[in-house]
Amino acid sequence: MPDITFNGPAGRIEGKYFQAKDPRAPIAVVMHPHPLHGGTMNTKVTYRIYEAFAKCGFSVLRFNFRGVGNSQGEYDNGVGELSDAAAALDWLHAQHPSTSGIWISGFSFGSWIALQLLMRRPDVARFLAVSPPAGMYDFSFLSPCPASGFVMVGDNDEITPSSDIEDLLKKTARQKDVKIHYSKIMGADHFYTEQQEELANKLTQYIMSNLEKAPALSA
């Protein structure tokens, strides 16, 4: 997984990149938790998502938002971070113009950014949102949801209660044929401290079971 840098709106952005052997492999971008609360691309859950995509044959990129690690710039309350995410997806897609499909994903704050990017990119096939902070941020933009995806939370999440996410999903309209799969890991806290393997297994299972269902992009 080589270290890479690419140009973002606020300067250089650092990332980790896994390249699949198949040039038409699907691609995925992974976004980390809140920059001001210790979130980085190396957060365990962020890495687990990245690892799951790589194991499933994707070319995948995780990166540090502006002001984190060696990424230039300063925290921008989600506005600049959304621009960073768009730049990351553009970079990855440029490496794989013949990809068979695009997925985006994130953990906590990163899932809030990922879902905003989903609404701006009709070329995205599916999403993964791990512990989206439904009670802390406005997710009203998501309705109607344009693509199918997977939402996960721990039932002992002290930051993102599962009830907040369930309320969000009940209120979220979907476009035709869009399905949002919801999974709750029993006993898990926000960081899945004791359930890392279960987290990884559920992510991998969802990705593998939906690879063929994701609409293919034209070459």
N, C-alpha and C. Protein backbone atom coordinates (compact mmCIF):
# COMPACT_ATOMS: atom_id res chain seq x y z
N MET A 1 0.84 -1.19 0.00
CA MET A 1 0.00 0.00 0.00
C MET A 1 0.88 1.24 0.00
N PRO A 2 1.26 1.70 -1.17
CA PRO A 2 2.20 2.82 -1.24
C PRO A 2 1.62 4.13 -0.70
N ASP A 3 2.51 4.95 -0.14
CA ASP A 3 2.13 6.31 0.24
C ASP A 3 2.03 7.14 -1.03
N ILE A 4 1.00 7.95 -1.12
CA ILE A 4 0.84 8.81 -2.29
C ILE A 4 0.47 10.22 -1.82
N THR A 5 0.68 11.18 -2.70
CA THR A 5 0.19 12.53 -2.46
C THR A 5 -0.49 13.01 -3.74
N PHE A 6 -1.51 13.82 -3.56
CA PHE A 6 -2.19 14.41 -4.72
C PHE A 6 -2.62 15.82 -4.33
N ASN A 7 -2.94 16.61 -5.32
CA ASN A 7 -3.29 18.00 -5.08
C ASN A 7 -4.74 18.12 -4.66
N GLY A 8 -4.95 18.85 -3.56
CA GLY A 8 -6.29 19.15 -3.10
C GLY A 8 -6.53 20.64 -3.13
N PRO A 9 -7.73 21.08 -2.79
CA PRO A 9 -8.06 22.50 -2.83
C PRO A 9 -7.23 23.35 -1.88
N ALA A 10 -6.73 22.75 -0.79
CA ALA A 10 -5.94 23.51 0.19
C ALA A 10 -4.47 23.14 0.17
N GLY A 11 -4.05 22.42 -0.87
CA GLY A 11 -2.65 21.99 -0.95
C GLY A 11 -2.55 20.48 -1.07
N ARG A 12 -1.38 19.97 -0.79
CA ARG A 12 -1.14 18.53 -0.95
C ARG A 12 -1.93 17.72 0.08
N ILE A 13 -2.44 16.58 -0.38
CA ILE A 13 -3.15 15.64 0.47
C ILE A 13 -2.38 14.32 0.44
N GLU A 14 -2.18 13.73 1.62
CA GLU A 14 -1.50 12.44 1.68
C GLU A 14 -2.50 11.31 1.80
N GLY A 15 -2.13 10.16 1.23
CA GLY A 15 -3.01 9.02 1.31
C GLY A 15 -2.26 7.70 1.24
N LYS A 16 -3.00 6.63 1.40
CA LYS A 16 -2.52 5.27 1.21
C LYS A 16 -3.36 4.66 0.10
N TYR A 17 -2.71 3.97 -0.83
CA TYR A 17 -3.37 3.52 -2.05
C TYR A 17 -3.03 2.07 -2.32
N PHE A 18 -4.06 1.27 -2.51
CA PHE A 18 -3.89 -0.12 -2.92
C PHE A 18 -4.42 -0.25 -4.35
N GLN A 19 -3.58 -0.77 -5.24
CA GLN A 19 -3.97 -0.91 -6.64
C GLN A 19 -4.23 -2.36 -6.97
N ALA A 20 -5.43 -2.65 -7.42
CA ALA A 20 -5.77 -4.00 -7.84
C ALA A 20 -5.10 -4.31 -9.17
N LYS A 21 -4.91 -5.60 -9.44
CA LYS A 21 -4.26 -5.99 -10.68
C LYS A 21 -5.14 -5.74 -11.90
N ASP A 22 -6.44 -5.90 -11.73
CA ASP A 22 -7.38 -5.73 -12.84
C ASP A 22 -7.64 -4.24 -13.08
N PRO A 23 -7.34 -3.71 -14.26
CA PRO A 23 -7.57 -2.28 -14.51
C PRO A 23 -9.04 -1.90 -14.49
N ARG A 24 -9.92 -2.89 -14.63
CA ARG A 24 -11.36 -2.61 -14.58
C ARG A 24 -11.95 -2.90 -13.20
N ALA A 25 -11.11 -3.16 -12.23
CA ALA A 25 -11.60 -3.41 -10.87
C ALA A 25 -12.39 -2.21 -10.36
N PRO A 26 -13.38 -2.44 -9.50
CA PRO A 26 -14.07 -1.31 -8.89
C PRO A 26 -13.12 -0.51 -8.00
N ILE A 27 -13.47 0.73 -7.76
CA ILE A 27 -12.64 1.59 -6.93
C ILE A 27 -13.44 2.08 -5.72
N ALA A 28 -12.72 2.44 -4.65
CA ALA A 28 -13.39 2.94 -3.45
C ALA A 28 -12.50 3.96 -2.74
N VAL A 29 -13.14 4.96 -2.15
CA VAL A 29 -12.46 5.95 -1.32
C VAL A 29 -12.99 5.81 0.11
N VAL A 30 -12.08 5.87 1.09
CA VAL A 30 -12.42 5.72 2.50
C VAL A 30 -12.10 7.01 3.25
N MET A 31 -13.05 7.50 4.05
CA MET A 31 -12.89 8.77 4.76
C MET A 31 -12.89 8.57 6.27
N HIS A 32 -12.00 9.27 6.95
CA HIS A 32 -11.74 9.03 8.37
C HIS A 32 -12.60 9.90 9.29
N PRO A 33 -12.57 9.62 10.61
CA PRO A 33 -13.37 10.39 11.57
C PRO A 33 -12.86 11.81 11.79
N HIS A 34 -13.48 12.49 12.72
CA HIS A 34 -13.30 13.94 12.90
C HIS A 34 -11.84 14.32 13.11
N PRO A 35 -11.34 15.25 12.29
CA PRO A 35 -9.93 15.67 12.40
C PRO A 35 -9.56 16.29 13.74
N LEU A 36 -10.50 16.93 14.41
CA LEU A 36 -10.19 17.59 15.67
C LEU A 36 -10.32 16.66 16.89
N HIS A 37 -10.70 15.43 16.64
CA HIS A 37 -10.85 14.47 17.74
C HIS A 37 -9.99 13.22 17.50
N GLY A 38 -8.87 13.42 16.86
CA GLY A 38 -7.92 12.33 16.66
C GLY A 38 -8.15 11.47 15.44
N GLY A 39 -9.09 11.83 14.61
CA GLY A 39 -9.37 11.03 13.42
C GLY A 39 -8.29 11.17 12.36
N THR A 40 -7.82 10.04 11.85
CA THR A 40 -6.85 10.02 10.75
C THR A 40 -7.17 8.83 9.85
N MET A 41 -6.46 8.76 8.74
CA MET A 41 -6.66 7.64 7.83
C MET A 41 -6.17 6.32 8.43
N ASN A 42 -5.43 6.40 9.55
CA ASN A 42 -4.94 5.20 10.21
C ASN A 42 -5.79 4.76 11.40
N THR A 43 -6.89 5.47 11.66
CA THR A 43 -7.83 5.01 12.67
C THR A 43 -8.23 3.56 12.35
N LYS A 44 -8.34 2.73 13.37
CA LYS A 44 -8.55 1.29 13.14
C LYS A 44 -9.76 0.99 12.26
N VAL A 45 -10.88 1.63 12.53
CA VAL A 45 -12.08 1.34 11.73
C VAL A 45 -11.88 1.79 10.29
N THR A 46 -11.25 2.94 10.10
CA THR A 46 -10.95 3.41 8.74
C THR A 46 -10.10 2.38 8.01
N TYR A 47 -9.10 1.87 8.69
CA TYR A 47 -8.24 0.86 8.08
C TYR A 47 -9.02 -0.41 7.76
N ARG A 48 -9.93 -0.81 8.65
CA ARG A 48 -10.72 -2.02 8.41
C ARG A 48 -11.57 -1.89 7.15
N ILE A 49 -12.13 -0.72 6.94
CA ILE A 49 -12.92 -0.50 5.72
C ILE A 49 -12.01 -0.61 4.49
N TYR A 50 -10.88 0.05 4.55
CA TYR A 50 -9.89 0.02 3.47
C TYR A 50 -9.46 -1.42 3.17
N GLU A 51 -9.16 -2.16 4.22
CA GLU A 51 -8.72 -3.54 4.08
C GLU A 51 -9.81 -4.41 3.46
N ALA A 52 -11.06 -4.19 3.86
CA ALA A 52 -12.16 -4.98 3.30
C ALA A 52 -12.29 -4.76 1.80
N PHE A 53 -12.18 -3.52 1.37
CA PHE A 53 -12.26 -3.25 -0.07
C PHE A 53 -11.09 -3.92 -0.81
N ALA A 54 -9.89 -3.81 -0.26
CA ALA A 54 -8.73 -4.42 -0.91
C ALA A 54 -8.90 -5.93 -1.03
N LYS A 55 -9.39 -6.58 0.02
CA LYS A 55 -9.59 -8.02 0.00
C LYS A 55 -10.64 -8.44 -1.02
N CYS A 56 -11.55 -7.52 -1.31
CA CYS A 56 -12.62 -7.82 -2.27
C CYS A 56 -12.25 -7.45 -3.70
N GLY A 57 -10.98 -7.10 -3.92
CA GLY A 57 -10.50 -6.88 -5.28
C GLY A 57 -10.61 -5.46 -5.79
N PHE A 58 -10.84 -4.50 -4.91
CA PHE A 58 -10.94 -3.10 -5.30
C PHE A 58 -9.56 -2.45 -5.37
N SER A 59 -9.44 -1.40 -6.16
CA SER A 59 -8.39 -0.41 -5.98
C SER A 59 -8.97 0.61 -5.01
N VAL A 60 -8.25 0.89 -3.93
CA VAL A 60 -8.86 1.67 -2.85
C VAL A 60 -7.89 2.72 -2.32
N LEU A 61 -8.43 3.86 -1.94
CA LEU A 61 -7.66 4.98 -1.42
C LEU A 61 -8.24 5.43 -0.08
N ARG A 62 -7.37 5.56 0.93
CA ARG A 62 -7.75 6.28 2.13
C ARG A 62 -6.81 7.47 2.23
N PHE A 63 -7.26 8.55 2.85
CA PHE A 63 -6.46 9.78 2.83
C PHE A 63 -6.73 10.59 4.08
N ASN A 64 -5.83 11.52 4.37
CA ASN A 64 -6.01 12.44 5.48
C ASN A 64 -6.64 13.73 4.99
N PHE A 65 -7.72 14.13 5.66
CA PHE A 65 -8.30 15.42 5.36
C PHE A 65 -7.28 16.54 5.64
N ARG A 66 -7.55 17.71 5.10
CA ARG A 66 -6.69 18.88 5.28
C ARG A 66 -6.36 19.09 6.76
N GLY A 67 -5.08 19.40 7.02
CA GLY A 67 -4.65 19.67 8.38
C GLY A 67 -4.36 18.45 9.23
N VAL A 68 -4.52 17.27 8.66
CA VAL A 68 -4.26 16.02 9.38
C VAL A 68 -3.00 15.38 8.83
N GLY A 69 -2.10 14.94 9.71
CA GLY A 69 -0.86 14.32 9.24
C GLY A 69 -0.08 15.29 8.38
N ASN A 70 0.27 14.82 7.18
CA ASN A 70 1.03 15.67 6.25
C ASN A 70 0.16 16.34 5.20
N SER A 71 -1.15 16.26 5.36
CA SER A 71 -2.03 16.98 4.44
C SER A 71 -2.05 18.46 4.79
N GLN A 72 -1.91 19.29 3.79
CA GLN A 72 -1.84 20.73 4.02
C GLN A 72 -3.22 21.33 4.26
N GLY A 73 -3.23 22.53 4.84
CA GLY A 73 -4.48 23.23 5.09
C GLY A 73 -4.90 23.13 6.54
N GLU A 74 -6.10 23.62 6.83
CA GLU A 74 -6.66 23.62 8.17
C GLU A 74 -8.09 23.11 8.13
N TYR A 75 -8.52 22.58 9.27
CA TYR A 75 -9.88 22.08 9.39
C TYR A 75 -10.88 23.15 8.97
N ASP A 76 -11.92 22.73 8.23
CA ASP A 76 -12.84 23.70 7.63
C ASP A 76 -14.31 23.34 7.88
N ASN A 77 -14.59 22.74 9.03
CA ASN A 77 -15.97 22.50 9.45
C ASN A 77 -16.79 21.67 8.46
N GLY A 78 -16.10 20.83 7.71
CA GLY A 78 -16.80 19.94 6.79
C GLY A 78 -16.88 20.46 5.37
N VAL A 79 -16.82 21.76 5.19
CA VAL A 79 -16.94 22.33 3.84
C VAL A 79 -15.70 21.99 3.01
N GLY A 80 -14.52 22.34 3.55
CA GLY A 80 -13.29 22.01 2.84
C GLY A 80 -13.04 20.53 2.78
N GLU A 81 -13.47 19.80 3.81
CA GLU A 81 -13.26 18.35 3.82
C GLU A 81 -14.06 17.67 2.71
N LEU A 82 -15.23 18.19 2.40
CA LEU A 82 -16.01 17.65 1.28
C LEU A 82 -15.26 17.90 -0.03
N SER A 83 -14.62 19.05 -0.15
CA SER A 83 -13.81 19.34 -1.34
C SER A 83 -12.61 18.40 -1.42
N ASP A 84 -12.01 18.10 -0.26
CA ASP A 84 -10.90 17.13 -0.23
C ASP A 84 -11.36 15.77 -0.72
N ALA A 85 -12.55 15.35 -0.26
CA ALA A 85 -13.08 14.05 -0.65
C ALA A 85 -13.32 13.98 -2.15
N ALA A 86 -13.85 15.06 -2.71
CA ALA A 86 -14.07 15.10 -4.16
C ALA A 86 -12.76 15.02 -4.91
N ALA A 87 -11.72 15.70 -4.40
CA ALA A 87 -10.40 15.64 -5.03
C ALA A 87 -9.83 14.23 -4.95
N ALA A 88 -10.05 13.55 -3.83
CA ALA A 88 -9.56 12.18 -3.68
C ALA A 88 -10.24 11.24 -4.67
N LEU A 89 -11.55 11.38 -4.82
CA LEU A 89 -12.27 10.55 -5.77
C LEU A 89 -11.83 10.84 -7.19
N ASP A 90 -11.63 12.11 -7.51
CA ASP A 90 -11.16 12.47 -8.85
C ASP A 90 -9.79 11.86 -9.13
N TRP A 91 -8.89 11.91 -8.13
CA TRP A 91 -7.56 11.34 -8.31
C TRP A 91 -7.64 9.84 -8.56
N LEU A 92 -8.42 9.15 -7.74
CA LEU A 92 -8.51 7.70 -7.87
C LEU A 92 -9.16 7.31 -9.20
N HIS A 93 -10.19 8.02 -9.59
CA HIS A 93 -10.87 7.70 -10.85
C HIS A 93 -9.94 7.96 -12.04
N ALA A 94 -9.09 8.97 -11.93
CA ALA A 94 -8.14 9.25 -13.01
C ALA A 94 -7.13 8.12 -13.17
N GLN A 95 -6.81 7.42 -12.07
CA GLN A 95 -5.91 6.28 -12.16
C GLN A 95 -6.59 5.06 -12.79
N HIS A 96 -7.92 5.05 -12.73
CA HIS A 96 -8.69 3.88 -13.18
C HIS A 96 -9.88 4.33 -14.02
N PRO A 97 -9.62 4.92 -15.19
CA PRO A 97 -10.72 5.44 -16.01
C PRO A 97 -11.66 4.35 -16.53
N SER A 98 -11.21 3.10 -16.53
CA SER A 98 -12.05 2.01 -17.03
C SER A 98 -12.67 1.19 -15.90
N THR A 99 -12.72 1.75 -14.70
CA THR A 99 -13.26 1.00 -13.57
C THR A 99 -14.69 0.52 -13.81
N SER A 100 -15.01 -0.61 -13.21
CA SER A 100 -16.35 -1.17 -13.37
C SER A 100 -17.35 -0.57 -12.40
N GLY A 101 -16.90 0.22 -11.42
CA GLY A 101 -17.84 0.83 -10.49
C GLY A 101 -17.13 1.63 -9.41
N ILE A 102 -17.84 2.61 -8.86
CA ILE A 102 -17.28 3.50 -7.85
C ILE A 102 -18.07 3.36 -6.54
N TRP A 103 -17.35 3.13 -5.45
CA TRP A 103 -17.95 3.10 -4.12
C TRP A 103 -17.27 4.18 -3.27
N ILE A 104 -18.02 4.73 -2.31
CA ILE A 104 -17.43 5.63 -1.34
C ILE A 104 -17.83 5.17 0.06
N SER A 105 -17.01 5.56 1.04
CA SER A 105 -17.24 5.04 2.39
C SER A 105 -16.65 5.99 3.42
N GLY A 106 -17.08 5.82 4.66
CA GLY A 106 -16.52 6.62 5.72
C GLY A 106 -16.93 6.11 7.08
N PHE A 107 -16.18 6.52 8.08
CA PHE A 107 -16.45 6.18 9.47
C PHE A 107 -16.72 7.46 10.24
N SER A 108 -17.85 7.50 10.97
CA SER A 108 -18.23 8.62 11.82
C SER A 108 -18.30 9.91 11.00
N PHE A 109 -17.55 10.95 11.37
CA PHE A 109 -17.53 12.19 10.59
C PHE A 109 -17.26 11.90 9.11
N GLY A 110 -16.39 10.94 8.84
CA GLY A 110 -16.08 10.59 7.46
C GLY A 110 -17.29 10.10 6.69
N SER A 111 -18.23 9.44 7.37
CA SER A 111 -19.43 8.96 6.67
C SER A 111 -20.36 10.13 6.35
N TRP A 112 -20.37 11.15 7.20
CA TRP A 112 -21.15 12.36 6.90
C TRP A 112 -20.63 13.03 5.64
N ILE A 113 -19.31 13.11 5.51
CA ILE A 113 -18.70 13.67 4.31
C ILE A 113 -18.99 12.77 3.10
N ALA A 114 -18.84 11.47 3.28
CA ALA A 114 -19.04 10.54 2.17
C ALA A 114 -20.47 10.63 1.63
N LEU A 115 -21.45 10.73 2.50
CA LEU A 115 -22.84 10.78 2.04
C LEU A 115 -23.15 12.11 1.35
N GLN A 116 -22.48 13.19 1.77
CA GLN A 116 -22.64 14.44 1.02
C GLN A 116 -22.04 14.32 -0.37
N LEU A 117 -20.89 13.66 -0.46
CA LEU A 117 -20.27 13.45 -1.77
C LEU A 117 -21.16 12.59 -2.66
N LEU A 118 -21.81 11.59 -2.05
CA LEU A 118 -22.73 10.72 -2.79
C LEU A 118 -23.79 11.54 -3.51
N MET A 119 -24.31 12.57 -2.85
CA MET A 119 -25.37 13.38 -3.44
C MET A 119 -24.88 14.23 -4.60
N ARG A 120 -23.57 14.42 -4.70
CA ARG A 120 -23.00 15.27 -5.74
C ARG A 120 -22.39 14.48 -6.89
N ARG A 121 -22.33 13.18 -6.74
CA ARG A 121 -21.66 12.36 -7.75
C ARG A 121 -22.58 11.23 -8.23
N PRO A 122 -23.30 11.46 -9.32
CA PRO A 122 -24.20 10.42 -9.83
C PRO A 122 -23.48 9.18 -10.33
N ASP A 123 -22.15 9.25 -10.46
CA ASP A 123 -21.40 8.08 -10.92
C ASP A 123 -21.09 7.10 -9.79
N VAL A 124 -21.41 7.46 -8.54
CA VAL A 124 -21.16 6.55 -7.42
C VAL A 124 -22.22 5.45 -7.39
N ALA A 125 -21.75 4.20 -7.31
CA ALA A 125 -22.66 3.05 -7.36
C ALA A 125 -23.22 2.69 -5.99
N ARG A 126 -22.34 2.68 -4.97
CA ARG A 126 -22.76 2.25 -3.62
C ARG A 126 -21.94 2.96 -2.56
N PHE A 127 -22.42 2.86 -1.31
CA PHE A 127 -21.72 3.49 -0.20
C PHE A 127 -21.70 2.58 1.02
N LEU A 128 -20.72 2.82 1.89
CA LEU A 128 -20.65 2.23 3.21
C LEU A 128 -20.57 3.37 4.22
N ALA A 129 -21.44 3.38 5.20
CA ALA A 129 -21.43 4.41 6.24
C ALA A 129 -21.38 3.72 7.60
N VAL A 130 -20.22 3.79 8.24
CA VAL A 130 -20.03 3.15 9.55
C VAL A 130 -20.20 4.21 10.63
N SER A 131 -21.18 3.99 11.50
CA SER A 131 -21.47 4.90 12.62
C SER A 131 -21.65 6.35 12.18
N PRO A 132 -22.53 6.62 11.22
CA PRO A 132 -22.76 8.01 10.84
C PRO A 132 -23.35 8.79 12.02
N PRO A 133 -22.81 9.97 12.33
CA PRO A 133 -23.25 10.73 13.51
C PRO A 133 -24.57 11.45 13.29
N ALA A 134 -25.64 10.66 13.24
CA ALA A 134 -26.95 11.19 12.86
C ALA A 134 -27.50 12.22 13.84
N GLY A 135 -27.12 12.11 15.12
CA GLY A 135 -27.63 13.06 16.10
C GLY A 135 -26.81 14.32 16.23
N MET A 136 -25.67 14.37 15.55
CA MET A 136 -24.75 15.49 15.69
C MET A 136 -24.71 16.39 14.46
N TYR A 137 -25.06 15.84 13.30
CA TYR A 137 -24.98 16.60 12.05
C TYR A 137 -26.30 16.48 11.29
N ASP A 138 -26.51 17.42 10.41
CA ASP A 138 -27.72 17.44 9.58
C ASP A 138 -27.54 16.49 8.40
N PHE A 139 -28.39 15.47 8.33
CA PHE A 139 -28.36 14.53 7.22
C PHE A 139 -29.58 14.69 6.31
N SER A 140 -30.29 15.78 6.41
CA SER A 140 -31.51 15.96 5.62
C SER A 140 -31.22 15.99 4.12
N PHE A 141 -29.99 16.31 3.76
CA PHE A 141 -29.59 16.34 2.35
C PHE A 141 -29.73 14.98 1.68
N LEU A 142 -29.76 13.92 2.47
CA LEU A 142 -29.69 12.56 1.94
C LEU A 142 -30.99 12.09 1.30
N SER A 143 -32.06 12.80 1.49
CA SER A 143 -33.36 12.34 1.02
C SER A 143 -33.78 13.11 -0.23
N PRO A 144 -34.03 12.41 -1.35
CA PRO A 144 -33.98 10.96 -1.50
C PRO A 144 -32.56 10.44 -1.73
N CYS A 145 -32.26 9.31 -1.14
CA CYS A 145 -30.94 8.69 -1.30
C CYS A 145 -30.82 8.13 -2.72
N PRO A 146 -29.75 8.48 -3.44
CA PRO A 146 -29.65 8.10 -4.85
C PRO A 146 -29.01 6.75 -5.13
N ALA A 147 -28.39 6.12 -4.12
CA ALA A 147 -27.68 4.86 -4.36
C ALA A 147 -27.85 3.94 -3.16
N SER A 148 -27.78 2.65 -3.42
CA SER A 148 -27.90 1.67 -2.35
C SER A 148 -26.61 1.64 -1.52
N GLY A 149 -26.74 1.19 -0.27
CA GLY A 149 -25.56 1.14 0.57
C GLY A 149 -25.78 0.39 1.86
N PHE A 150 -24.78 0.48 2.71
CA PHE A 150 -24.73 -0.28 3.95
C PHE A 150 -24.43 0.67 5.10
N VAL A 151 -25.28 0.65 6.14
CA VAL A 151 -25.10 1.47 7.32
C VAL A 151 -24.90 0.56 8.52
N MET A 152 -23.86 0.82 9.31
CA MET A 152 -23.54 -0.02 10.45
C MET A 152 -23.36 0.84 11.69
N VAL A 153 -23.73 0.26 12.84
CA VAL A 153 -23.53 0.94 14.12
C VAL A 153 -23.38 -0.12 15.21
N GLY A 154 -22.75 0.26 16.31
CA GLY A 154 -22.68 -0.60 17.48
C GLY A 154 -23.82 -0.28 18.43
N ASP A 155 -24.40 -1.27 19.08
CA ASP A 155 -25.56 -0.99 19.92
C ASP A 155 -25.17 -0.32 21.24
N ASN A 156 -23.86 -0.26 21.53
CA ASN A 156 -23.39 0.48 22.71
C ASN A 156 -22.60 1.72 22.32
N ASP A 157 -22.89 2.25 21.13
CA ASP A 157 -22.18 3.44 20.65
C ASP A 157 -22.52 4.63 21.54
N GLU A 158 -21.51 5.18 22.20
CA GLU A 158 -21.71 6.28 23.13
C GLU A 158 -21.72 7.63 22.43
N ILE A 159 -21.34 7.68 21.15
CA ILE A 159 -21.28 8.92 20.39
C ILE A 159 -22.44 9.00 19.40
N THR A 160 -22.73 7.89 18.76
CA THR A 160 -23.80 7.82 17.78
C THR A 160 -24.79 6.72 18.19
N PRO A 161 -25.75 7.03 19.03
CA PRO A 161 -26.71 6.00 19.44
C PRO A 161 -27.43 5.39 18.25
N SER A 162 -27.63 4.09 18.31
CA SER A 162 -28.28 3.41 17.19
C SER A 162 -29.68 3.96 16.95
N SER A 163 -30.35 4.44 17.99
CA SER A 163 -31.70 4.99 17.81
C SER A 163 -31.68 6.22 16.90
N ASP A 164 -30.61 7.02 16.96
CA ASP A 164 -30.50 8.19 16.08
C ASP A 164 -30.40 7.76 14.63
N ILE A 165 -29.61 6.71 14.39
CA ILE A 165 -29.45 6.23 13.02
C ILE A 165 -30.74 5.60 12.51
N GLU A 166 -31.41 4.85 13.37
CA GLU A 166 -32.68 4.23 12.96
C GLU A 166 -33.72 5.29 12.63
N ASP A 167 -33.77 6.37 13.40
CA ASP A 167 -34.68 7.47 13.09
C ASP A 167 -34.33 8.10 11.75
N LEU A 168 -33.03 8.28 11.50
CA LEU A 168 -32.60 8.85 10.23
C LEU A 168 -33.05 7.97 9.06
N LEU A 169 -32.84 6.67 9.18
CA LEU A 169 -33.19 5.76 8.09
C LEU A 169 -34.69 5.73 7.84
N LYS A 170 -35.48 5.87 8.90
CA LYS A 170 -36.94 5.90 8.73
C LYS A 170 -37.39 7.12 7.96
N LYS A 171 -36.67 8.22 8.15
CA LYS A 171 -37.05 9.49 7.51
C LYS A 171 -36.47 9.64 6.11
N THR A 172 -35.51 8.81 5.76
CA THR A 172 -34.79 8.97 4.49
C THR A 172 -35.54 8.30 3.35
N ALA A 173 -36.01 9.12 2.42
CA ALA A 173 -36.63 8.57 1.21
C ALA A 173 -35.55 8.00 0.30
N ARG A 174 -35.94 7.07 -0.55
CA ARG A 174 -34.99 6.48 -1.49
C ARG A 174 -35.50 6.65 -2.92
N GLN A 175 -34.56 6.79 -3.83
CA GLN A 175 -34.94 6.73 -5.23
C GLN A 175 -35.34 5.31 -5.59
N LYS A 176 -35.96 5.14 -6.72
CA LYS A 176 -36.46 3.83 -7.13
C LYS A 176 -35.35 2.78 -7.13
N ASP A 177 -35.65 1.63 -6.56
CA ASP A 177 -34.76 0.47 -6.50
C ASP A 177 -33.56 0.65 -5.57
N VAL A 178 -33.50 1.74 -4.83
CA VAL A 178 -32.41 1.95 -3.87
C VAL A 178 -32.75 1.26 -2.56
N LYS A 179 -31.79 0.49 -2.04
CA LYS A 179 -31.98 -0.21 -0.78
C LYS A 179 -30.82 0.11 0.15
N ILE A 180 -31.14 0.42 1.40
CA ILE A 180 -30.12 0.68 2.42
C ILE A 180 -30.15 -0.45 3.43
N HIS A 181 -29.08 -1.21 3.47
CA HIS A 181 -28.97 -2.33 4.41
C HIS A 181 -28.43 -1.80 5.74
N TYR A 182 -29.07 -2.20 6.82
CA TYR A 182 -28.70 -1.71 8.16
C TYR A 182 -28.27 -2.87 9.03
N SER A 183 -27.14 -2.70 9.70
CA SER A 183 -26.63 -3.75 10.58
C SER A 183 -26.18 -3.15 11.90
N LYS A 184 -26.50 -3.84 12.99
CA LYS A 184 -26.12 -3.38 14.33
C LYS A 184 -25.29 -4.47 14.99
N ILE A 185 -24.09 -4.11 15.45
CA ILE A 185 -23.22 -5.07 16.11
C ILE A 185 -23.44 -4.98 17.61
N MET A 186 -23.86 -6.08 18.18
CA MET A 186 -24.19 -6.11 19.59
C MET A 186 -22.93 -5.95 20.45
N GLY A 187 -23.03 -5.08 21.45
CA GLY A 187 -21.94 -4.87 22.39
C GLY A 187 -20.87 -3.91 21.92
N ALA A 188 -20.96 -3.44 20.69
CA ALA A 188 -19.89 -2.60 20.13
C ALA A 188 -20.04 -1.13 20.54
N ASP A 189 -18.92 -0.51 20.89
CA ASP A 189 -18.90 0.93 21.14
C ASP A 189 -18.63 1.65 19.82
N HIS A 190 -18.40 2.96 19.89
CA HIS A 190 -18.23 3.74 18.67
C HIS A 190 -17.04 3.28 17.84
N PHE A 191 -16.01 2.81 18.52
CA PHE A 191 -14.78 2.43 17.82
C PHE A 191 -14.66 0.92 17.62
N TYR A 192 -15.72 0.17 17.94
CA TYR A 192 -15.74 -1.29 17.75
C TYR A 192 -14.51 -1.93 18.40
N THR A 193 -14.23 -1.47 19.62
CA THR A 193 -12.99 -1.84 20.30
C THR A 193 -12.80 -3.35 20.42
N GLU A 194 -13.86 -4.05 20.78
CA GLU A 194 -13.77 -5.50 20.96
C GLU A 194 -14.40 -6.28 19.81
N GLN A 195 -14.81 -5.59 18.78
CA GLN A 195 -15.54 -6.26 17.68
C GLN A 195 -14.91 -5.96 16.31
N GLN A 196 -13.60 -5.79 16.27
CA GLN A 196 -12.93 -5.47 15.02
C GLN A 196 -13.12 -6.56 13.97
N GLU A 197 -13.02 -7.80 14.37
CA GLU A 197 -13.16 -8.90 13.41
C GLU A 197 -14.58 -8.99 12.89
N GLU A 198 -15.56 -8.82 13.76
CA GLU A 198 -16.96 -8.85 13.32
C GLU A 198 -17.25 -7.71 12.37
N LEU A 199 -16.71 -6.53 12.69
CA LEU A 199 -16.84 -5.39 11.81
C LEU A 199 -16.29 -5.71 10.43
N ALA A 200 -15.06 -6.23 10.39
CA ALA A 200 -14.42 -6.55 9.11
C ALA A 200 -15.22 -7.58 8.34
N ASN A 201 -15.73 -8.59 9.03
CA ASN A 201 -16.48 -9.65 8.36
C ASN A 201 -17.78 -9.13 7.76
N LYS A 202 -18.47 -8.27 8.48
CA LYS A 202 -19.74 -7.73 7.97
C LYS A 202 -19.50 -6.82 6.77
N LEU A 203 -18.45 -6.02 6.83
CA LEU A 203 -18.12 -5.16 5.69
C LEU A 203 -17.80 -5.98 4.45
N THR A 204 -16.95 -6.99 4.64
CA THR A 204 -16.55 -7.84 3.52
C THR A 204 -17.75 -8.58 2.93
N GLN A 205 -18.61 -9.08 3.80
CA GLN A 205 -19.78 -9.81 3.33
C GLN A 205 -20.68 -8.92 2.49
N TYR A 206 -20.91 -7.68 2.95
CA TYR A 206 -21.77 -6.79 2.18
C TYR A 206 -21.13 -6.45 0.82
N ILE A 207 -19.85 -6.13 0.84
CA ILE A 207 -19.18 -5.77 -0.41
C ILE A 207 -19.24 -6.92 -1.41
N MET A 208 -18.87 -8.11 -0.97
CA MET A 208 -18.84 -9.25 -1.87
C MET A 208 -20.22 -9.60 -2.40
N SER A 209 -21.23 -9.49 -1.57
CA SER A 209 -22.58 -9.88 -1.98
C SER A 209 -23.22 -8.85 -2.90
N ASN A 210 -22.62 -7.67 -3.02
CA ASN A 210 -23.21 -6.63 -3.85
C ASN A 210 -22.33 -6.19 -5.01
N LEU A 211 -21.22 -6.88 -5.21
CA LEU A 211 -20.34 -6.51 -6.32
C LEU A 211 -21.04 -6.60 -7.67
N GLU A 212 -21.73 -7.69 -7.89
CA GLU A 212 -22.36 -7.88 -9.19
C GLU A 212 -23.61 -7.01 -9.38
N LYS A 213 -24.14 -6.49 -8.28
CA LYS A 213 -25.38 -5.73 -8.36
C LYS A 213 -25.13 -4.25 -8.64
N ALA A 214 -23.90 -3.80 -8.40
CA ALA A 214 -23.59 -2.40 -8.62
C ALA A 214 -23.59 -2.10 -10.12
N PRO A 215 -24.29 -1.05 -10.55
CA PRO A 215 -24.32 -0.74 -11.97
C PRO A 215 -22.94 -0.42 -12.52
N ALA A 216 -22.59 -1.04 -13.63
CA ALA A 216 -21.27 -0.85 -14.22
C ALA A 216 -21.19 0.50 -14.94
N LEU A 217 -20.01 1.08 -14.92
CA LEU A 217 -19.78 2.32 -15.66
C LEU A 217 -19.40 1.98 -17.08
N SER A 218 -19.69 2.88 -17.99
CA SER A 218 -19.27 2.67 -19.36
C SER A 218 -17.78 2.90 -19.46
N ALA A 219 -17.12 2.16 -20.33
CA ALA A 219 -15.67 2.28 -20.46
C ALA A 219 -15.29 3.60 -21.12
